Amino acid sequence: MAETYYTIKQLADIAGTSKVTMFRYIKQNSIHETKHKGNANLYDETQKSLILKGFRGKSASSVSETDHDETALIQELKSQLKAKDAQINDLHAIIKQNQRLLDQQQQLNLATNRQNEKLLDGGANNTQQNVSESQNMDDTDVLKPTNDNYKGEEVKTSKRGLFGWLRR
């Protein structure tokens, strides 16, 4: 009875996988060939059944493990996406608040600059107005307190009127 030998390509065709995947499985499990003919590794009937049994068992369990791992990975990625979305929303709120604060600061700076300009422009005009007002003031009633004449009391001048000569 002649024994039949199988190449990696034939084993891969029987298992329904690629030649590379079959070669990697054989190498990972340290399965040695029965014969070596040219560049081809040949495996006998017992090694064939061992390889196919292990390969099918591994692939079925690895598929279920892969599905479980992928499901867990998907759930983890979804939770990370939710956390990132929350962080993005928080950052948008902070940006809006900072934009409002910046607008308020710019408005305040503009109002302050306008007041400063009015004070600078008005300061030159006010000195001229103060001089003209002091010349036009009528001091017949009461002297307005200034730095020179204010002593804490009001100084009255005599009124001139029709009966002013009687009061003397």
N, C-alpha and C. Protein backbone atom coordinates (compact mmCIF):
# COMPACT_ATOMS: atom_id res chain seq x y z
N MET A 1 0.84 -1.16 0.00
CA MET A 1 0.00 0.00 0.00
C MET A 1 0.89 1.24 0.00
N ALA A 2 0.65 2.12 -0.94
CA ALA A 2 1.48 3.31 -1.06
C ALA A 2 0.85 4.43 -0.26
N GLU A 3 1.68 5.07 0.48
CA GLU A 3 1.18 6.20 1.28
C GLU A 3 1.07 7.42 0.37
N THR A 4 0.07 8.27 0.68
CA THR A 4 -0.07 9.51 -0.08
C THR A 4 0.47 10.65 0.76
N TYR A 5 1.11 11.55 0.08
CA TYR A 5 1.68 12.71 0.74
C TYR A 5 1.00 13.97 0.19
N TYR A 6 0.89 14.96 1.06
CA TYR A 6 0.18 16.19 0.71
C TYR A 6 1.13 17.40 0.84
N THR A 7 1.02 18.30 -0.10
CA THR A 7 1.80 19.54 -0.04
C THR A 7 1.00 20.58 0.77
N ILE A 8 1.65 21.67 1.09
CA ILE A 8 0.97 22.75 1.83
C ILE A 8 -0.17 23.31 1.00
N LYS A 9 0.02 23.39 -0.31
CA LYS A 9 -1.04 23.90 -1.20
C LYS A 9 -2.25 22.99 -1.15
N GLN A 10 -2.03 21.67 -1.19
CA GLN A 10 -3.14 20.73 -1.14
C GLN A 10 -3.86 20.80 0.21
N LEU A 11 -3.11 20.92 1.29
CA LEU A 11 -3.71 21.03 2.62
C LEU A 11 -4.52 22.33 2.73
N ALA A 12 -4.02 23.41 2.16
CA ALA A 12 -4.72 24.69 2.20
C ALA A 12 -6.02 24.62 1.40
N ASP A 13 -5.98 23.91 0.25
CA ASP A 13 -7.20 23.75 -0.54
C ASP A 13 -8.24 22.93 0.21
N ILE A 14 -7.81 21.89 0.90
CA ILE A 14 -8.73 21.06 1.68
C ILE A 14 -9.34 21.87 2.82
N ALA A 15 -8.52 22.70 3.49
CA ALA A 15 -8.99 23.50 4.63
C ALA A 15 -9.77 24.73 4.17
N GLY A 16 -9.62 25.10 2.91
CA GLY A 16 -10.34 26.27 2.39
C GLY A 16 -9.68 27.58 2.81
N THR A 17 -8.37 27.60 2.83
CA THR A 17 -7.63 28.80 3.21
C THR A 17 -6.49 29.02 2.21
N SER A 18 -5.71 30.03 2.47
CA SER A 18 -4.59 30.30 1.55
C SER A 18 -3.37 29.48 1.94
N LYS A 19 -2.45 29.37 0.99
CA LYS A 19 -1.22 28.62 1.21
C LYS A 19 -0.37 29.29 2.30
N VAL A 20 -0.36 30.62 2.31
CA VAL A 20 0.42 31.37 3.30
C VAL A 20 -0.12 31.13 4.70
N THR A 21 -1.44 31.17 4.85
CA THR A 21 -2.06 30.95 6.16
C THR A 21 -1.77 29.54 6.66
N MET A 22 -1.83 28.56 5.77
CA MET A 22 -1.53 27.18 6.16
C MET A 22 -0.07 27.06 6.55
N PHE A 23 0.82 27.68 5.81
CA PHE A 23 2.25 27.62 6.13
C PHE A 23 2.50 28.24 7.50
N ARG A 24 1.88 29.35 7.78
CA ARG A 24 2.06 30.00 9.09
C ARG A 24 1.54 29.13 10.22
N TYR A 25 0.39 28.47 9.99
CA TYR A 25 -0.16 27.60 11.04
C TYR A 25 0.79 26.45 11.33
N ILE A 26 1.32 25.84 10.28
CA ILE A 26 2.24 24.71 10.44
C ILE A 26 3.50 25.17 11.17
N LYS A 27 4.01 26.34 10.80
CA LYS A 27 5.23 26.84 11.42
C LYS A 27 5.00 27.20 12.89
N GLN A 28 3.84 27.84 13.21
CA GLN A 28 3.54 28.22 14.60
C GLN A 28 3.40 26.99 15.50
N ASN A 29 2.86 25.91 14.95
CA ASN A 29 2.63 24.71 15.75
C ASN A 29 3.79 23.72 15.65
N SER A 30 4.84 24.12 15.01
CA SER A 30 6.06 23.29 14.89
C SER A 30 5.77 21.89 14.37
N ILE A 31 5.04 21.83 13.29
CA ILE A 31 4.75 20.54 12.65
C ILE A 31 5.80 20.36 11.55
N HIS A 32 6.51 19.24 11.61
CA HIS A 32 7.57 19.00 10.66
C HIS A 32 7.07 18.09 9.54
N GLU A 33 7.62 18.32 8.36
CA GLU A 33 7.20 17.54 7.19
C GLU A 33 7.72 16.11 7.31
N THR A 34 7.01 15.20 6.62
CA THR A 34 7.43 13.81 6.60
C THR A 34 8.54 13.62 5.57
N LYS A 35 8.36 14.24 4.42
CA LYS A 35 9.36 14.15 3.37
C LYS A 35 9.59 15.53 2.80
N HIS A 36 10.72 15.67 2.17
CA HIS A 36 11.06 16.92 1.49
C HIS A 36 11.45 16.56 0.07
N LYS A 37 10.65 16.98 -0.91
CA LYS A 37 10.93 16.65 -2.31
C LYS A 37 11.13 17.95 -3.06
N GLY A 38 12.31 18.25 -3.47
CA GLY A 38 12.63 19.50 -4.15
C GLY A 38 12.44 20.66 -3.17
N ASN A 39 11.60 21.59 -3.55
CA ASN A 39 11.28 22.72 -2.66
C ASN A 39 9.99 22.48 -1.87
N ALA A 40 9.35 21.36 -2.08
CA ALA A 40 8.06 21.10 -1.47
C ALA A 40 8.21 20.27 -0.20
N ASN A 41 7.45 20.67 0.83
CA ASN A 41 7.36 19.88 2.05
C ASN A 41 6.16 18.97 1.91
N LEU A 42 6.33 17.70 2.21
CA LEU A 42 5.25 16.73 2.06
C LEU A 42 4.87 16.20 3.43
N TYR A 43 3.55 16.05 3.62
CA TYR A 43 3.02 15.59 4.91
C TYR A 43 2.20 14.34 4.66
N ASP A 44 2.31 13.33 5.57
CA ASP A 44 1.57 12.09 5.39
C ASP A 44 0.15 12.22 5.92
N GLU A 45 -0.57 11.09 5.88
CA GLU A 45 -2.00 11.09 6.23
C GLU A 45 -2.23 11.46 7.70
N THR A 46 -1.41 11.00 8.61
CA THR A 46 -1.60 11.31 10.03
C THR A 46 -1.34 12.79 10.31
N GLN A 47 -0.31 13.35 9.70
CA GLN A 47 -0.04 14.77 9.88
C GLN A 47 -1.14 15.62 9.25
N LYS A 48 -1.66 15.13 8.12
CA LYS A 48 -2.75 15.85 7.45
C LYS A 48 -3.96 15.96 8.38
N SER A 49 -4.35 14.83 8.97
CA SER A 49 -5.52 14.86 9.86
C SER A 49 -5.24 15.74 11.08
N LEU A 50 -4.03 15.69 11.61
CA LEU A 50 -3.65 16.52 12.76
C LEU A 50 -3.71 18.01 12.40
N ILE A 51 -3.16 18.36 11.25
CA ILE A 51 -3.14 19.76 10.81
C ILE A 51 -4.55 20.26 10.57
N LEU A 52 -5.36 19.48 9.84
CA LEU A 52 -6.72 19.92 9.52
C LEU A 52 -7.59 20.00 10.77
N LYS A 53 -7.43 19.05 11.67
CA LYS A 53 -8.20 19.08 12.92
C LYS A 53 -7.83 20.31 13.74
N GLY A 54 -6.55 20.55 13.89
CA GLY A 54 -6.09 21.72 14.66
C GLY A 54 -6.43 23.03 13.98
N PHE A 55 -6.30 23.04 12.65
CA PHE A 55 -6.56 24.28 11.92
C PHE A 55 -8.04 24.64 11.97
N ARG A 56 -8.90 23.66 11.79
CA ARG A 56 -10.35 23.93 11.84
C ARG A 56 -10.77 24.31 13.25
N GLY A 57 -10.24 23.64 14.26
CA GLY A 57 -10.57 23.96 15.64
C GLY A 57 -10.07 25.35 16.02
N LYS A 58 -8.89 25.66 15.54
CA LYS A 58 -8.32 26.98 15.83
C LYS A 58 -9.09 28.07 15.12
N SER A 59 -9.41 27.84 13.89
CA SER A 59 -10.10 28.89 13.12
C SER A 59 -11.49 29.13 13.66
N ALA A 60 -12.21 28.07 14.10
CA ALA A 60 -13.56 28.26 14.63
C ALA A 60 -13.51 29.01 15.95
N SER A 61 -12.57 28.62 16.83
CA SER A 61 -12.49 29.31 18.11
C SER A 61 -11.93 30.71 17.93
N SER A 62 -11.00 30.88 16.98
CA SER A 62 -10.43 32.20 16.78
C SER A 62 -11.46 33.14 16.18
N VAL A 63 -12.38 32.61 15.37
CA VAL A 63 -13.43 33.45 14.80
C VAL A 63 -14.35 33.95 15.90
N SER A 64 -14.75 33.06 16.81
CA SER A 64 -15.63 33.50 17.90
C SER A 64 -14.90 34.45 18.84
N GLU A 65 -13.61 34.17 19.10
CA GLU A 65 -12.83 35.08 19.93
C GLU A 65 -12.65 36.42 19.24
N THR A 66 -12.43 36.39 17.94
CA THR A 66 -12.27 37.62 17.18
C THR A 66 -13.55 38.42 17.20
N ASP A 67 -14.69 37.74 17.03
CA ASP A 67 -15.98 38.45 17.09
C ASP A 67 -16.17 39.08 18.46
N HIS A 68 -15.85 38.34 19.52
CA HIS A 68 -15.99 38.87 20.88
C HIS A 68 -15.05 40.06 21.09
N ASP A 69 -13.79 39.90 20.64
CA ASP A 69 -12.82 40.98 20.77
C ASP A 69 -13.24 42.22 19.98
N GLU A 70 -13.78 42.00 18.77
CA GLU A 70 -14.23 43.13 17.95
C GLU A 70 -15.42 43.83 18.58
N THR A 71 -16.34 43.06 19.16
CA THR A 71 -17.50 43.65 19.83
C THR A 71 -17.06 44.50 21.02
N ALA A 72 -16.13 43.96 21.81
CA ALA A 72 -15.62 44.72 22.96
C ALA A 72 -14.89 45.97 22.48
N LEU A 73 -14.13 45.83 21.41
CA LEU A 73 -13.39 46.97 20.86
C LEU A 73 -14.35 48.04 20.34
N ILE A 74 -15.40 47.61 19.67
CA ILE A 74 -16.40 48.56 19.15
C ILE A 74 -17.07 49.30 20.30
N GLN A 75 -17.42 48.56 21.36
CA GLN A 75 -18.05 49.20 22.52
C GLN A 75 -17.10 50.21 23.16
N GLU A 76 -15.83 49.85 23.28
CA GLU A 76 -14.84 50.75 23.86
C GLU A 76 -14.68 52.01 22.98
N LEU A 77 -14.64 51.81 21.68
CA LEU A 77 -14.50 52.96 20.77
C LEU A 77 -15.74 53.86 20.83
N LYS A 78 -16.92 53.26 20.96
CA LYS A 78 -18.14 54.07 21.08
C LYS A 78 -18.13 54.89 22.36
N SER A 79 -17.68 54.29 23.46
CA SER A 79 -17.63 55.04 24.71
C SER A 79 -16.59 56.16 24.62
N GLN A 80 -15.48 55.91 23.94
CA GLN A 80 -14.47 56.95 23.75
C GLN A 80 -15.02 58.08 22.88
N LEU A 81 -15.79 57.73 21.86
CA LEU A 81 -16.40 58.76 21.01
C LEU A 81 -17.36 59.63 21.80
N LYS A 82 -18.15 59.01 22.68
CA LYS A 82 -19.08 59.79 23.50
C LYS A 82 -18.31 60.74 24.41
N ALA A 83 -17.22 60.25 24.99
CA ALA A 83 -16.41 61.10 25.87
C ALA A 83 -15.80 62.25 25.07
N LYS A 84 -15.33 61.98 23.87
CA LYS A 84 -14.75 63.03 23.03
C LYS A 84 -15.80 64.04 22.61
N ASP A 85 -17.01 63.57 22.30
CA ASP A 85 -18.10 64.49 21.95
C ASP A 85 -18.41 65.42 23.12
N ALA A 86 -18.43 64.87 24.33
CA ALA A 86 -18.69 65.70 25.51
C ALA A 86 -17.58 66.73 25.69
N GLN A 87 -16.33 66.32 25.48
CA GLN A 87 -15.22 67.26 25.58
C GLN A 87 -15.32 68.35 24.53
N ILE A 88 -15.71 67.98 23.33
CA ILE A 88 -15.85 68.97 22.25
C ILE A 88 -16.94 69.97 22.60
N ASN A 89 -18.07 69.48 23.13
CA ASN A 89 -19.15 70.39 23.53
C ASN A 89 -18.70 71.33 24.63
N ASP A 90 -17.95 70.81 25.61
CA ASP A 90 -17.42 71.66 26.68
C ASP A 90 -16.49 72.73 26.12
N LEU A 91 -15.65 72.34 25.18
CA LEU A 91 -14.73 73.31 24.58
C LEU A 91 -15.47 74.37 23.78
N HIS A 92 -16.54 73.97 23.09
CA HIS A 92 -17.34 74.96 22.37
C HIS A 92 -17.97 75.97 23.32
N ALA A 93 -18.45 75.49 24.47
CA ALA A 93 -19.04 76.39 25.46
C ALA A 93 -17.98 77.35 26.01
N ILE A 94 -16.79 76.84 26.27
CA ILE A 94 -15.70 77.70 26.76
C ILE A 94 -15.33 78.73 25.71
N ILE A 95 -15.28 78.33 24.46
CA ILE A 95 -14.94 79.27 23.38
C ILE A 95 -15.99 80.36 23.28
N LYS A 96 -17.27 79.99 23.38
CA LYS A 96 -18.33 81.00 23.32
C LYS A 96 -18.22 81.98 24.48
N GLN A 97 -17.95 81.47 25.67
CA GLN A 97 -17.81 82.33 26.84
C GLN A 97 -16.62 83.26 26.67
N ASN A 98 -15.51 82.73 26.21
CA ASN A 98 -14.33 83.57 25.99
C ASN A 98 -14.59 84.62 24.92
N GLN A 99 -15.36 84.28 23.89
CA GLN A 99 -15.69 85.24 22.84
C GLN A 99 -16.55 86.37 23.40
N ARG A 100 -17.51 86.02 24.27
CA ARG A 100 -18.33 87.06 24.90
C ARG A 100 -17.48 87.97 25.77
N LEU A 101 -16.58 87.38 26.54
CA LEU A 101 -15.70 88.18 27.39
C LEU A 101 -14.79 89.08 26.56
N LEU A 102 -14.31 88.58 25.45
CA LEU A 102 -13.46 89.38 24.57
C LEU A 102 -14.25 90.54 23.97
N ASP A 103 -15.49 90.28 23.56
CA ASP A 103 -16.34 91.35 23.03
C ASP A 103 -16.59 92.43 24.09
N GLN A 104 -16.87 91.99 25.31
CA GLN A 104 -17.09 92.95 26.39
C GLN A 104 -15.84 93.77 26.67
N GLN A 105 -14.69 93.12 26.65
CA GLN A 105 -13.45 93.83 26.89
C GLN A 105 -13.18 94.85 25.79
N GLN A 106 -13.45 94.48 24.55
CA GLN A 106 -13.25 95.41 23.45
C GLN A 106 -14.21 96.60 23.55
N GLN A 107 -15.45 96.33 23.94
CA GLN A 107 -16.41 97.44 24.10
C GLN A 107 -15.98 98.35 25.24
N LEU A 108 -15.50 97.78 26.32
CA LEU A 108 -15.03 98.58 27.45
C LEU A 108 -13.82 99.42 27.05
N ASN A 109 -12.89 98.84 26.33
CA ASN A 109 -11.73 99.59 25.86
C ASN A 109 -12.15 100.73 24.94
N LEU A 110 -13.11 100.47 24.06
CA LEU A 110 -13.59 101.51 23.15
C LEU A 110 -14.25 102.65 23.93
N ALA A 111 -15.08 102.31 24.91
CA ALA A 111 -15.74 103.34 25.72
C ALA A 111 -14.70 104.13 26.52
N THR A 112 -13.71 103.47 27.06
CA THR A 112 -12.66 104.15 27.82
C THR A 112 -11.86 105.08 26.91
N ASN A 113 -11.54 104.62 25.71
CA ASN A 113 -10.81 105.46 24.77
C ASN A 113 -11.62 106.70 24.39
N ARG A 114 -12.92 106.53 24.20
CA ARG A 114 -13.78 107.68 23.87
C ARG A 114 -13.81 108.69 25.02
N GLN A 115 -13.92 108.17 26.25
CA GLN A 115 -13.92 109.07 27.40
C GLN A 115 -12.59 109.80 27.52
N ASN A 116 -11.51 109.09 27.29
CA ASN A 116 -10.20 109.73 27.35
C ASN A 116 -10.07 110.82 26.29
N GLU A 117 -10.57 110.54 25.09
CA GLU A 117 -10.51 111.54 24.02
C GLU A 117 -11.34 112.75 24.39
N LYS A 118 -12.52 112.52 24.96
CA LYS A 118 -13.37 113.64 25.37
C LYS A 118 -12.67 114.48 26.45
N LEU A 119 -12.04 113.79 27.39
CA LEU A 119 -11.34 114.51 28.44
C LEU A 119 -10.16 115.32 27.89
N LEU A 120 -9.42 114.71 26.97
CA LEU A 120 -8.29 115.42 26.39
C LEU A 120 -8.75 116.59 25.52
N ASP A 121 -9.75 116.37 24.69
CA ASP A 121 -10.28 117.45 23.84
C ASP A 121 -11.03 118.46 24.69
N GLY A 122 -11.81 117.98 25.63
CA GLY A 122 -12.61 118.85 26.49
C GLY A 122 -11.75 119.61 27.48
N GLY A 123 -10.60 119.08 27.87
CA GLY A 123 -9.73 119.75 28.82
C GLY A 123 -9.23 121.07 28.27
N ALA A 124 -8.85 121.13 27.01
CA ALA A 124 -8.39 122.38 26.39
C ALA A 124 -9.56 123.35 26.25
N ASN A 125 -10.72 122.87 25.89
CA ASN A 125 -11.90 123.73 25.76
C ASN A 125 -12.39 124.21 27.12
N ASN A 126 -12.30 123.34 28.14
CA ASN A 126 -12.77 123.72 29.47
C ASN A 126 -11.95 124.84 30.07
N THR A 127 -10.66 124.86 29.83
CA THR A 127 -9.83 125.94 30.38
C THR A 127 -10.21 127.27 29.75
N GLN A 128 -10.52 127.25 28.48
CA GLN A 128 -10.95 128.49 27.82
C GLN A 128 -12.33 128.90 28.33
N GLN A 129 -13.22 127.93 28.55
CA GLN A 129 -14.55 128.24 29.06
C GLN A 129 -14.47 128.75 30.49
N ASN A 130 -13.59 128.20 31.30
CA ASN A 130 -13.45 128.64 32.69
C ASN A 130 -12.99 130.09 32.76
N VAL A 131 -12.10 130.47 31.88
CA VAL A 131 -11.61 131.85 31.86
C VAL A 131 -12.74 132.80 31.47
N SER A 132 -13.50 132.42 30.44
CA SER A 132 -14.59 133.30 30.01
C SER A 132 -15.70 133.33 31.05
N GLU A 133 -15.97 132.23 31.73
CA GLU A 133 -17.00 132.21 32.77
C GLU A 133 -16.59 133.07 33.95
N SER A 134 -15.33 133.03 34.31
CA SER A 134 -14.88 133.83 35.45
C SER A 134 -14.96 135.32 35.15
N GLN A 135 -14.82 135.70 33.91
CA GLN A 135 -14.94 137.11 33.54
C GLN A 135 -16.39 137.56 33.53
N ASN A 136 -17.31 136.67 33.20
CA ASN A 136 -18.73 137.02 33.11
C ASN A 136 -19.48 136.86 34.42
N MET A 137 -18.84 136.39 35.46
CA MET A 137 -19.54 136.14 36.71
C MET A 137 -19.91 137.46 37.38
N ASP A 138 -21.10 137.47 37.91
CA ASP A 138 -21.57 138.63 38.65
C ASP A 138 -21.38 138.34 40.12
N ASP A 139 -20.53 139.07 40.81
CA ASP A 139 -20.22 138.81 42.20
C ASP A 139 -21.05 139.64 43.16
N THR A 140 -22.21 140.05 42.75
CA THR A 140 -23.02 140.88 43.62
C THR A 140 -23.67 140.09 44.74
N ASP A 141 -24.05 138.85 44.49
CA ASP A 141 -24.72 138.06 45.53
C ASP A 141 -23.72 137.46 46.50
N VAL A 142 -23.11 136.42 46.10
CA VAL A 142 -22.21 135.68 46.99
C VAL A 142 -21.02 135.25 46.16
N LEU A 143 -19.87 135.38 46.78
CA LEU A 143 -18.69 134.88 46.08
C LEU A 143 -18.70 133.36 46.10
N LYS A 144 -18.45 132.79 44.95
CA LYS A 144 -18.36 131.33 44.90
C LYS A 144 -17.02 130.92 45.48
N PRO A 145 -17.02 129.85 46.26
CA PRO A 145 -15.77 129.45 46.90
C PRO A 145 -14.76 128.97 45.85
N THR A 146 -13.58 129.50 45.96
CA THR A 146 -12.46 129.03 45.15
C THR A 146 -11.31 128.77 46.11
N ASN A 147 -10.19 128.40 45.59
CA ASN A 147 -9.05 128.12 46.47
C ASN A 147 -8.56 129.38 47.17
N ASP A 148 -8.73 130.52 46.53
CA ASP A 148 -8.20 131.77 47.10
C ASP A 148 -9.08 132.36 48.19
N ASN A 149 -10.39 132.36 48.01
CA ASN A 149 -11.24 133.12 48.93
C ASN A 149 -12.11 132.26 49.84
N TYR A 150 -12.04 130.97 49.79
CA TYR A 150 -12.92 130.15 50.62
C TYR A 150 -12.29 129.96 51.98
N LYS A 151 -13.00 130.40 53.02
CA LYS A 151 -12.52 130.24 54.40
C LYS A 151 -13.51 129.44 55.22
N GLY A 152 -14.45 128.80 54.57
CA GLY A 152 -15.45 128.06 55.30
C GLY A 152 -16.68 128.90 55.55
N GLU A 153 -16.65 130.20 55.30
CA GLU A 153 -17.81 131.08 55.49
C GLU A 153 -18.12 131.75 54.16
N GLU A 154 -19.35 132.13 54.03
CA GLU A 154 -19.72 132.85 52.83
C GLU A 154 -19.49 134.34 53.07
N VAL A 155 -18.92 135.02 52.12
CA VAL A 155 -18.68 136.45 52.22
C VAL A 155 -19.75 137.15 51.40
N LYS A 156 -20.52 138.06 52.05
CA LYS A 156 -21.60 138.76 51.35
C LYS A 156 -21.14 140.19 51.04
N THR A 157 -21.54 140.62 49.92
CA THR A 157 -21.28 142.03 49.56
C THR A 157 -22.56 142.79 49.74
N SER A 158 -22.42 144.04 49.91
CA SER A 158 -23.63 144.85 50.11
C SER A 158 -24.40 144.95 48.81
N LYS A 159 -25.71 144.91 48.95
CA LYS A 159 -26.56 145.02 47.80
C LYS A 159 -26.85 146.48 47.52
N ARG A 160 -26.87 146.80 46.31
CA ARG A 160 -27.22 148.16 45.94
C ARG A 160 -28.63 148.14 45.41
N GLY A 161 -29.45 148.85 45.95
CA GLY A 161 -30.82 148.90 45.50
C GLY A 161 -31.43 150.27 45.82
N LEU A 162 -32.71 150.35 45.76
CA LEU A 162 -33.42 151.61 45.98
C LEU A 162 -33.27 152.09 47.41
N PHE A 163 -33.36 151.16 48.36
CA PHE A 163 -33.28 151.57 49.76
C PHE A 163 -31.94 151.20 50.39
N GLY A 164 -30.90 150.96 49.60
CA GLY A 164 -29.60 150.62 50.11
C GLY A 164 -28.98 151.74 50.93
N TRP A 165 -29.32 153.02 50.65
CA TRP A 165 -28.74 154.12 51.39
C TRP A 165 -29.30 154.21 52.78
N LEU A 166 -30.50 153.62 53.04
CA LEU A 166 -31.08 153.66 54.36
C LEU A 166 -30.37 152.68 55.30
N ARG A 167 -29.86 151.69 54.82
CA ARG A 167 -29.25 150.66 55.65
C ARG A 167 -27.88 151.06 56.16
N ARG A 168 -27.30 152.06 55.71
CA ARG A 168 -25.97 152.46 56.13
C ARG A 168 -25.97 153.02 57.44
